[in-house]
Each structure stands twice: as C-alpha cells, then as structure tokens.
Amino acid sequence: MRRLALLAVVFIAGWGPVLAQTACPQGVAVGSARCGPGGGGMPAGFFFKKSPTWRPGWGALARNDAQSIIGASTGTRSPKAAGRGAIRGCRSGGGQGCEVFFTYRDSCAVIVKLSGSEPVMPTYHVAARSVEEAIDLALETCGRANEGRACEVIYSNCSEGFYRN
C-alpha cells in the first residue's frame, strides 16, 4: 500500500511543470543565483532566428523645367526617401521649385533628350530590368516622338534592393 501511495505521489507530481536549474558552473550548488535555466543543447533563440528579408531599392528623378535642372537619387528604402533625395539633388544643382516626376523600384532608369537640344527639356524617361534595355526603350520613345531624329542619354542608373536581417 505504501508503494502505491508513493507511486501515486510521484505520478501526480510528474504532471506539473518541471522547474529546474541545471546550467550551474562547476562547484556551484543547484538552486544558487549563479545557476541559469537548463540548456537542452540548442543555442538561445535557435527557433526564433529571423531569416533575412528582401527590401526593395527605390530611386527617383526630380526636375525644374524652367531651369532645365534634374536631380536623382538611388538605392533608398522607400519612394518618399528617394523623392526627397532627388529633390535635394535638383536643389544642389541650383534648381528651385524642383518636383519629383518619376520613381522606380528594383530597376534601372534612363533619361534621354533630343541630341543637341538646349535646354535639356523635354526629356524621355524609362525604367527597365537593365540599363541596356532601358536605354533601348528610351531612345526608341524619344526617336518616335521626334520624327526619327537622334536622341542621347543624359542619365542612367540602377536602384537595387538589399537583404535586411
């Protein structure tokens, strides 16, 4: 009977949470403040480690038509940041009243204009997967709009995304 009672106590106590400190430095008694929680063999945060996530890279173009000034920014984390950078670039070139006219994400942007034309405006802009593709598309668009006359590239750059941990 005594064995049965002892077995019942052990069985019932075994269903509750087991709280033990097993990560004690050598020579320190279990229960000491210097002991940590049990290890289990896995590093802390093993199951909760985040994998890197892809963040798009944004670019933007801003201009002041009256002064023929263009500003650009690339590789930013948001379209707003890209726009602010492009306006800053336009202003640093002497432009006042600069406005964003084009934003692009994870791609390459190109601006072309009619060859030999001054001022710079009007321009034609395109975004594509590669600079070469963007140049081809922009030159084709400019040529069609100007009855086949020659156009030239005045800006090209790519805004690539990045991994964030």
Protein backbone atom coordinates (compact mmCIF):
# COMPACT_ATOMS: atom_id res chain seq x y z
CA MET A 1 0.00 0.00 0.00
CA ARG A 2 2.85 2.29 0.87
CA ARG A 3 4.42 1.68 -2.53
CA LEU A 4 1.14 2.51 -4.23
CA ALA A 5 0.82 5.79 -2.32
CA LEU A 6 4.42 6.73 -3.16
CA LEU A 7 3.86 5.85 -6.81
CA ALA A 8 0.68 7.97 -6.86
CA VAL A 9 2.53 10.99 -5.42
CA VAL A 10 5.36 10.68 -7.95
CA PHE A 11 2.89 10.16 -10.79
CA ILE A 12 0.76 13.22 -9.87
CA ALA A 13 3.76 15.44 -9.22
CA GLY A 14 5.20 14.46 -12.59
CA TRP A 15 2.28 16.07 -14.46
CA GLY A 16 3.07 19.58 -13.25
CA PRO A 17 5.70 21.85 -14.75
CA VAL A 18 9.24 20.86 -14.07
CA LEU A 19 11.33 23.81 -12.96
CA ALA A 20 14.98 23.09 -12.59
CA GLN A 21 18.21 24.92 -12.88
CA THR A 22 20.69 22.65 -14.48
CA ALA A 23 23.16 25.08 -16.04
CA CYS A 24 25.30 25.69 -12.95
CA PRO A 25 29.00 26.43 -13.07
CA GLN A 26 31.19 23.67 -11.75
CA GLY A 27 31.21 23.61 -7.96
CA VAL A 28 28.03 25.70 -7.54
CA ALA A 29 25.02 24.09 -5.88
CA VAL A 30 21.76 23.74 -7.82
CA GLY A 31 19.38 26.49 -6.75
CA SER A 32 22.10 29.12 -6.45
CA ALA A 33 21.55 32.51 -8.06
CA ARG A 34 24.59 31.80 -10.23
CA CYS A 35 22.77 28.92 -11.97
CA GLY A 36 20.91 29.52 -15.20
CA PRO A 37 17.98 27.69 -16.75
CA GLY A 38 18.59 24.27 -18.29
CA GLY A 39 20.36 24.24 -21.62
CA GLY A 40 18.91 21.49 -23.74
CA GLY A 41 21.75 21.64 -26.23
CA MET A 42 20.27 24.33 -28.51
CA PRO A 43 21.64 27.88 -28.60
CA ALA A 44 19.39 30.61 -27.25
CA GLY A 45 16.95 31.89 -29.85
CA PHE A 46 17.62 28.95 -32.18
CA PHE A 47 14.00 28.54 -33.21
CA PHE A 48 13.21 32.24 -33.34
CA LYS A 49 16.04 33.45 -35.53
CA LYS A 50 14.67 35.52 -38.41
CA SER A 51 15.91 34.92 -41.88
CA PRO A 52 16.96 37.93 -43.97
CA THR A 53 14.15 39.61 -45.87
CA TRP A 54 14.34 41.34 -49.23
CA ARG A 55 13.76 45.08 -49.19
CA PRO A 56 13.23 46.93 -52.44
CA GLY A 57 15.62 49.67 -53.51
CA TRP A 58 13.94 52.85 -54.70
CA GLY A 59 15.15 55.59 -57.00
CA ALA A 60 13.60 58.88 -58.07
CA LEU A 61 14.10 61.73 -60.51
CA ALA A 62 13.18 65.38 -59.87
CA ARG A 63 13.38 68.39 -62.14
CA ASN A 64 12.86 72.08 -62.52
CA ASP A 65 11.63 72.63 -66.07
CA ALA A 66 12.24 76.39 -66.11
CA GLN A 67 15.92 75.99 -65.24
CA SER A 68 16.49 72.64 -67.01
CA ILE A 69 17.92 71.06 -63.86
CA ILE A 70 17.50 67.38 -62.96
CA GLY A 71 18.26 65.66 -59.66
CA ALA A 72 18.39 61.94 -58.98
CA SER A 73 18.60 59.55 -56.07
CA THR A 74 19.01 55.80 -55.99
CA GLY A 75 19.24 52.89 -53.56
CA THR A 76 16.89 54.26 -50.91
CA ARG A 77 14.49 52.27 -48.76
CA SER A 78 11.23 54.00 -49.70
CA PRO A 79 9.71 56.06 -52.50
CA LYS A 80 9.43 59.07 -50.17
CA ALA A 81 13.13 58.90 -49.27
CA ALA A 82 14.01 58.55 -52.95
CA GLY A 83 11.89 61.60 -53.80
CA ARG A 84 13.48 63.67 -51.05
CA GLY A 85 16.94 62.70 -52.29
CA ALA A 86 16.09 63.59 -55.90
CA ILE A 87 14.71 66.99 -54.85
CA ARG A 88 17.85 67.58 -52.77
CA GLY A 89 19.96 66.74 -55.84
CA CYS A 90 17.96 69.10 -58.02
CA ARG A 91 18.29 71.91 -55.48
CA SER A 92 22.03 71.33 -55.09
CA GLY A 93 22.33 71.86 -58.84
CA GLY A 94 20.72 75.29 -58.43
CA GLY A 95 17.10 74.32 -59.04
CA GLN A 96 14.27 75.99 -57.18
CA GLY A 97 10.77 74.57 -57.06
CA CYS A 98 12.03 71.10 -58.03
CA GLU A 99 9.38 68.37 -58.28
CA VAL A 100 9.61 64.59 -58.46
CA PHE A 101 8.47 63.33 -61.85
CA PHE A 102 9.48 59.67 -61.73
CA THR A 103 10.07 56.97 -59.10
CA TYR A 104 11.23 53.42 -59.75
CA ARG A 105 11.84 50.26 -57.73
CA ASP A 106 14.44 47.50 -58.19
CA SER A 107 15.16 48.58 -61.75
CA CYS A 108 17.28 50.83 -63.93
CA ALA A 109 16.18 54.29 -65.04
CA VAL A 110 17.34 56.27 -68.05
CA ILE A 111 16.68 59.82 -69.20
CA VAL A 112 17.21 60.77 -72.84
CA LYS A 113 16.79 64.02 -74.76
CA LEU A 114 16.91 65.15 -78.32
CA SER A 115 20.57 65.36 -79.43
CA GLY A 116 21.99 68.85 -79.48
CA SER A 117 18.88 70.37 -77.93
CA GLU A 118 19.22 73.06 -75.31
CA PRO A 119 17.72 73.46 -72.82
CA VAL A 120 17.57 69.88 -71.56
CA MET A 121 13.76 69.73 -71.54
CA PRO A 122 11.77 67.92 -72.82
CA THR A 123 13.16 64.58 -71.72
CA TYR A 124 12.00 60.99 -72.03
CA HIS A 125 12.46 58.57 -69.16
CA VAL A 126 12.08 54.80 -68.86
CA ALA A 127 12.72 52.12 -66.24
CA ALA A 128 13.61 48.54 -67.13
CA ARG A 129 15.41 45.48 -65.72
CA SER A 130 18.79 46.51 -67.13
CA VAL A 131 20.44 49.75 -68.23
CA GLU A 132 20.80 48.43 -71.77
CA GLU A 133 17.09 47.60 -72.02
CA ALA A 134 16.12 50.99 -70.54
CA ILE A 135 18.39 52.83 -72.98
CA ASP A 136 16.93 50.98 -75.97
CA LEU A 137 13.35 51.73 -74.87
CA ALA A 138 14.04 55.39 -74.07
CA LEU A 139 15.89 56.05 -77.34
CA GLU A 140 13.07 54.41 -79.27
CA THR A 141 10.45 56.51 -77.46
CA CYS A 142 12.41 59.73 -77.99
CA GLY A 143 13.03 58.93 -81.68
CA ARG A 144 9.34 58.22 -82.33
CA ALA A 145 8.28 61.43 -80.58
CA ASN A 146 10.76 63.48 -82.65
CA GLU A 147 10.17 62.02 -86.13
CA GLY A 148 13.22 59.75 -86.05
CA ARG A 149 15.79 62.39 -85.05
CA ALA A 150 18.74 61.28 -82.92
CA CYS A 151 18.49 61.28 -79.14
CA GLU A 152 21.15 60.99 -76.45
CA VAL A 153 21.30 59.56 -72.93
CA ILE A 154 21.81 62.16 -70.20
CA TYR A 155 21.29 59.92 -67.14
CA SER A 156 21.32 56.23 -66.33
CA ASN A 157 21.46 54.37 -63.01
CA CYS A 158 20.06 51.30 -61.27
CA SER A 159 18.38 51.07 -57.89
CA GLU A 160 18.83 47.59 -56.49
CA GLY A 161 17.19 46.09 -53.45
CA PHE A 162 19.01 44.62 -50.49
CA TYR A 163 18.65 41.97 -47.82
CA ARG A 164 17.87 43.14 -44.32
CA ASN A 165 18.49 40.98 -41.26
